[in-house]
Amino acid sequence: MKYVILLLNTEASASLSEADRQAWYSEIFAWYEKGGGGSGKLVEGGHQLQPPETAKTVRAGGVTDGPFMETKEVLGGYSVLETDTMEEAVDIAKTWPGVDRGLMTVEVRPVVAM
């Protein structure tokens, strides 16, 4: 089954110094080079998203700038895993660089097979 991992930036990641940010990005690149933290279950590489202020939101009433969500976490990117169980996908998501330091939150969702 495929699972998408949604990578949510936190306020802690926004306050990193440039040197700390570059070190963190090196960890992230290594996670991808290992096929998902060494799991080999990464089936679609990640895509980082531009900042929220570059977004447009389409609603029934029209189009607005930005997502304007009432949240302290902002979707920063995503990747796709293929695992046998949700638990396995969650275990892989736990290895995402910075989760243990509060730099990101990772949401795991099953993908609907079409």
C-alpha atoms as a PDB file:
ATOM      1  CA  MET A   1       0.000   0.000   0.000  1.00  0.00           C
ATOM      2  CA  LYS A   2       1.179   3.528  -0.709  1.00  0.00           C
ATOM      3  CA  TYR A   3       1.340   6.189   1.980  1.00  0.00           C
ATOM      4  CA  VAL A   4       2.085   9.860   1.575  1.00  0.00           C
ATOM      5  CA  ILE A   5       4.120  11.518   4.276  1.00  0.00           C
ATOM      6  CA  LEU A   6       3.221  15.187   4.608  1.00  0.00           C
ATOM      7  CA  LEU A   7       6.102  17.239   5.945  1.00  0.00           C
ATOM      8  CA  LEU A   8       4.937  20.097   8.132  1.00  0.00           C
ATOM      9  CA  ASN A   9       7.359  22.868   9.064  1.00  0.00           C
ATOM     10  CA  THR A  10       7.091  24.095  12.648  1.00  0.00           C
ATOM     11  CA  GLU A  11       7.959  27.423  14.238  1.00  0.00           C
ATOM     12  CA  ALA A  12      11.177  25.804  15.490  1.00  0.00           C
ATOM     13  CA  SER A  13      12.374  25.141  11.932  1.00  0.00           C
ATOM     14  CA  ALA A  14      11.594  28.726  10.922  1.00  0.00           C
ATOM     15  CA  SER A  15      13.912  30.054  13.629  1.00  0.00           C
ATOM     16  CA  LEU A  16      17.013  28.032  12.677  1.00  0.00           C
ATOM     17  CA  SER A  17      20.208  29.902  11.888  1.00  0.00           C
ATOM     18  CA  GLU A  18      21.451  29.543   8.321  1.00  0.00           C
ATOM     19  CA  ALA A  19      24.248  27.208   9.453  1.00  0.00           C
ATOM     20  CA  ASP A  20      21.814  25.006  11.401  1.00  0.00           C
ATOM     21  CA  ARG A  21      19.398  24.985   8.446  1.00  0.00           C
ATOM     22  CA  GLN A  22      22.151  23.826   6.071  1.00  0.00           C
ATOM     23  CA  ALA A  23      23.167  21.069   8.518  1.00  0.00           C
ATOM     24  CA  TRP A  24      19.528  19.960   8.779  1.00  0.00           C
ATOM     25  CA  TYR A  25      19.165  19.940   4.968  1.00  0.00           C
ATOM     26  CA  SER A  26      22.242  17.701   4.793  1.00  0.00           C
ATOM     27  CA  GLU A  27      20.438  15.248   7.099  1.00  0.00           C
ATOM     28  CA  ILE A  28      17.361  15.400   4.867  1.00  0.00           C
ATOM     29  CA  PHE A  29      19.376  14.753   1.687  1.00  0.00           C
ATOM     30  CA  ALA A  30      21.044  11.770   3.402  1.00  0.00           C
ATOM     31  CA  TRP A  31      17.573  10.437   4.395  1.00  0.00           C
ATOM     32  CA  TYR A  32      16.539  10.479   0.735  1.00  0.00           C
ATOM     33  CA  GLU A  33      19.838   8.970  -0.454  1.00  0.00           C
ATOM     34  CA  LYS A  34      19.170   6.043   1.898  1.00  0.00           C
ATOM     35  CA  GLY A  35      15.801   5.449   0.229  1.00  0.00           C
ATOM     36  CA  GLY A  36      13.756   6.716   3.149  1.00  0.00           C
ATOM     37  CA  GLY A  37      16.031   6.558   6.151  1.00  0.00           C
ATOM     38  CA  GLY A  38      17.437   3.179   5.149  1.00  0.00           C
ATOM     39  CA  SER A  39      14.031   1.553   4.711  1.00  0.00           C
ATOM     40  CA  GLY A  40      14.183   1.190   0.922  1.00  0.00           C
ATOM     41  CA  LYS A  41      10.446   1.926   0.896  1.00  0.00           C
ATOM     42  CA  LEU A  42      10.599   5.382  -0.706  1.00  0.00           C
ATOM     43  CA  VAL A  43       8.804   5.135  -4.067  1.00  0.00           C
ATOM     44  CA  GLU A  44       8.525   8.798  -4.976  1.00  0.00           C
ATOM     45  CA  GLY A  45      11.200  11.234  -3.975  1.00  0.00           C
ATOM     46  CA  GLY A  46      10.284  14.279  -2.025  1.00  0.00           C
ATOM     47  CA  HIS A  47       9.248  17.638  -3.236  1.00  0.00           C
ATOM     48  CA  GLN A  48       9.795  20.737  -1.151  1.00  0.00           C
ATOM     49  CA  LEU A  49       7.120  23.369  -1.536  1.00  0.00           C
ATOM     50  CA  GLN A  50       7.631  27.111  -1.898  1.00  0.00           C
ATOM     51  CA  PRO A  51       6.655  29.176   1.190  1.00  0.00           C
ATOM     52  CA  PRO A  52       2.952  29.667   1.975  1.00  0.00           C
ATOM     53  CA  GLU A  53       2.987  33.294   0.869  1.00  0.00           C
ATOM     54  CA  THR A  54       3.473  32.060  -2.714  1.00  0.00           C
ATOM     55  CA  ALA A  55       0.266  29.983  -2.602  1.00  0.00           C
ATOM     56  CA  LYS A  56      -3.157  30.673  -4.047  1.00  0.00           C
ATOM     57  CA  THR A  57      -6.223  29.110  -2.434  1.00  0.00           C
ATOM     58  CA  VAL A  58      -9.303  28.339  -4.529  1.00  0.00           C
ATOM     59  CA  ARG A  59     -12.633  28.319  -2.697  1.00  0.00           C
ATOM     60  CA  ALA A  60     -16.266  28.620  -3.683  1.00  0.00           C
ATOM     61  CA  GLY A  61     -16.015  32.399  -3.182  1.00  0.00           C
ATOM     62  CA  GLY A  62     -12.966  32.868  -5.417  1.00  0.00           C
ATOM     63  CA  VAL A  63      -9.195  32.838  -5.240  1.00  0.00           C
ATOM     64  CA  THR A  64      -7.132  34.319  -2.409  1.00  0.00           C
ATOM     65  CA  ASP A  65      -3.428  34.685  -1.761  1.00  0.00           C
ATOM     66  CA  GLY A  66      -1.834  32.201   0.610  1.00  0.00           C
ATOM     67  CA  PRO A  67      -3.333  29.344   2.562  1.00  0.00           C
ATOM     68  CA  PHE A  68      -4.312  31.513   5.599  1.00  0.00           C
ATOM     69  CA  MET A  69      -4.821  28.532   7.861  1.00  0.00           C
ATOM     70  CA  GLU A  70      -5.047  28.975  11.605  1.00  0.00           C
ATOM     71  CA  THR A  71      -2.028  26.825  12.326  1.00  0.00           C
ATOM     72  CA  LYS A  72       1.547  27.087  13.480  1.00  0.00           C
ATOM     73  CA  GLU A  73       2.586  24.305  11.109  1.00  0.00           C
ATOM     74  CA  VAL A  74       2.758  24.749   7.348  1.00  0.00           C
ATOM     75  CA  LEU A  75       2.960  22.036   4.707  1.00  0.00           C
ATOM     76  CA  GLY A  76       6.540  22.138   3.469  1.00  0.00           C
ATOM     77  CA  GLY A  77       6.702  19.069   1.233  1.00  0.00           C
ATOM     78  CA  TYR A  78       5.794  15.439   0.765  1.00  0.00           C
ATOM     79  CA  SER A  79       7.086  12.014  -0.231  1.00  0.00           C
ATOM     80  CA  VAL A  80       5.470   8.680  -1.038  1.00  0.00           C
ATOM     81  CA  LEU A  81       6.301   5.371   0.643  1.00  0.00           C
ATOM     82  CA  GLU A  82       5.145   1.878  -0.241  1.00  0.00           C
ATOM     83  CA  THR A  83       4.870  -0.381   2.795  1.00  0.00           C
ATOM     84  CA  ASP A  84       2.845  -3.375   3.918  1.00  0.00           C
ATOM     85  CA  THR A  85       1.219  -1.610   6.867  1.00  0.00           C
ATOM     86  CA  MET A  86       0.464   1.820   8.296  1.00  0.00           C
ATOM     87  CA  GLU A  87       2.653   0.943  11.276  1.00  0.00           C
ATOM     88  CA  GLU A  88       5.634   0.395   8.985  1.00  0.00           C
ATOM     89  CA  ALA A  89       4.992   3.739   7.272  1.00  0.00           C
ATOM     90  CA  VAL A  90       4.768   5.453  10.673  1.00  0.00           C
ATOM     91  CA  ASP A  91       8.025   3.840  11.790  1.00  0.00           C
ATOM     92  CA  ILE A  92       9.733   5.221   8.669  1.00  0.00           C
ATOM     93  CA  ALA A  93       8.163   8.654   9.206  1.00  0.00           C
ATOM     94  CA  LYS A  94       9.636   8.685  12.718  1.00  0.00           C
ATOM     95  CA  THR A  95      13.109   8.640  11.113  1.00  0.00           C
ATOM     96  CA  TRP A  96      12.496  11.933   9.273  1.00  0.00           C
ATOM     97  CA  PRO A  97      15.339  14.328  10.192  1.00  0.00           C
ATOM     98  CA  GLY A  98      14.306  16.886  12.777  1.00  0.00           C
ATOM     99  CA  VAL A  99      11.120  15.209  14.020  1.00  0.00           C
ATOM    100  CA  ASP A 100      12.871  14.331  17.275  1.00  0.00           C
ATOM    101  CA  ARG A 101      13.966  17.979  17.661  1.00  0.00           C
ATOM    102  CA  GLY A 102      10.548  19.487  16.906  1.00  0.00           C
ATOM    103  CA  LEU A 103      11.644  20.954  13.568  1.00  0.00           C
ATOM    104  CA  MET A 104       8.934  19.134  11.646  1.00  0.00           C
ATOM    105  CA  THR A 105       5.762  17.187  12.137  1.00  0.00           C
ATOM    106  CA  VAL A 106       5.134  14.299   9.751  1.00  0.00           C
ATOM    107  CA  GLU A 107       1.595  13.233   8.900  1.00  0.00           C
ATOM    108  CA  VAL A 108       1.146   9.777   7.355  1.00  0.00           C
ATOM    109  CA  ARG A 109      -1.879   9.102   5.129  1.00  0.00           C
ATOM    110  CA  PRO A 110      -2.845   6.132   2.984  1.00  0.00           C
ATOM    111  CA  VAL A 111      -3.167   6.884  -0.723  1.00  0.00           C
ATOM    112  CA  VAL A 112      -6.448   5.875  -2.365  1.00  0.00           C
ATOM    113  CA  ALA A 113      -5.731   3.343  -5.106  1.00  0.00           C
ATOM    114  CA  MET A 114      -7.486   4.278  -8.342  1.00  0.00           C
END
